[in-house]
Amino acid sequence: MIRVRVQSPAILAVTAVAIAGAVGAAIWLAGLHYECVARWKESGLKSYYRDGTCLVQAGSRWVPEQRVKIHVTTP
C-alpha cells in the first residue's frame, strides 16, 4: 500500500508563491534580454543581456551599452 502524505496548506501556499516568483523573475529577465537585443538589432552590432547589463560587442570586446558611442555621418 502506498501512503500519500498531505502537506499543510501553509507549506503549499509558500511553495506556490516561491514557484510563482521564480516564473515571474524568469519572464522579467527574458523581457530585459529581448529589449537589449531589440535596441541594437538595427545597428549591426551583437548584443545580449547579462548580470543586469546590456552588453554590446564592439570590436572583439563586450562592453556595457552605456559606454558605446556611435558616430553617424551623413553624405
Protein backbone atom coordinates (compact mmCIF):
# COMPACT_ATOMS: atom_id res chain seq x y z
CA MET A 1 0.00 0.00 0.00
CA ILE A 2 1.27 3.47 -0.93
CA ARG A 3 0.73 6.21 1.61
CA VAL A 4 0.45 9.78 0.43
CA ARG A 5 1.42 12.44 2.91
CA VAL A 6 -0.65 15.58 2.55
CA GLN A 7 1.23 18.81 3.23
CA SER A 8 -0.27 21.56 5.33
CA PRO A 9 -1.98 24.43 3.48
CA ALA A 10 0.69 26.86 4.70
CA ILE A 11 3.52 24.83 3.13
CA LEU A 12 1.59 24.53 -0.12
CA ALA A 13 0.94 28.28 -0.15
CA VAL A 14 4.61 29.13 0.44
CA THR A 15 5.63 26.68 -2.28
CA ALA A 16 3.13 28.19 -4.72
CA VAL A 17 4.38 31.73 -4.00
CA ALA A 18 8.01 30.64 -4.48
CA ILE A 19 7.22 28.97 -7.81
CA ALA A 20 5.22 31.98 -9.00
CA GLY A 21 8.09 34.28 -8.01
CA ALA A 22 10.62 32.18 -9.91
CA VAL A 23 8.44 32.10 -13.03
CA GLY A 24 7.85 35.85 -12.79
CA ALA A 25 11.57 36.54 -12.44
CA ALA A 26 12.34 34.36 -15.46
CA ILE A 27 9.77 36.22 -17.57
CA TRP A 28 11.12 39.59 -16.39
CA LEU A 29 14.70 38.64 -17.28
CA ALA A 30 13.60 37.34 -20.68
CA GLY A 31 11.94 40.71 -21.31
CA LEU A 32 15.11 42.60 -20.38
CA HIS A 33 17.13 40.40 -22.73
CA TYR A 34 14.63 40.98 -25.55
CA GLU A 35 14.71 44.77 -25.04
CA CYS A 36 18.51 44.77 -25.10
CA VAL A 37 18.70 42.78 -28.33
CA ALA A 38 15.88 44.81 -29.94
CA ARG A 39 17.64 48.14 -29.20
CA TRP A 40 20.81 47.06 -31.00
CA LYS A 41 19.27 44.97 -33.79
CA GLU A 42 19.36 47.71 -36.44
CA SER A 43 22.94 48.75 -35.61
CA GLY A 44 24.54 45.56 -36.87
CA LEU A 45 26.28 45.03 -33.53
CA LYS A 46 25.77 41.90 -31.47
CA SER A 47 24.27 42.34 -28.01
CA TYR A 48 22.98 40.34 -25.08
CA TYR A 49 21.78 40.88 -21.52
CA ARG A 50 23.85 39.52 -18.63
CA ASP A 51 24.18 40.33 -14.93
CA GLY A 52 21.84 43.31 -15.08
CA THR A 53 23.61 44.97 -18.02
CA CYS A 54 23.04 45.11 -21.75
CA LEU A 55 26.38 44.26 -23.35
CA VAL A 56 27.36 45.19 -26.91
CA GLN A 57 30.19 43.65 -28.90
CA ALA A 58 32.46 46.47 -30.01
CA GLY A 59 35.38 45.04 -31.91
CA SER A 60 36.44 41.94 -30.01
CA ARG A 61 35.26 43.14 -26.60
CA TRP A 62 31.88 43.09 -24.87
CA VAL A 63 31.20 46.46 -23.25
CA PRO A 64 28.17 47.90 -21.41
CA GLU A 65 25.88 49.74 -23.79
CA GLN A 66 26.27 52.98 -21.81
CA ARG A 67 29.92 53.11 -22.92
CA VAL A 68 29.20 52.62 -26.64
CA LYS A 69 29.06 55.73 -28.81
CA ILE A 70 28.09 55.57 -32.44
CA HIS A 71 29.01 58.48 -34.66
CA VAL A 72 26.99 58.80 -37.82
CA THR A 73 27.93 61.00 -40.74
CA THR A 74 25.51 61.83 -43.49
CA PRO A 75 26.64 62.36 -47.07
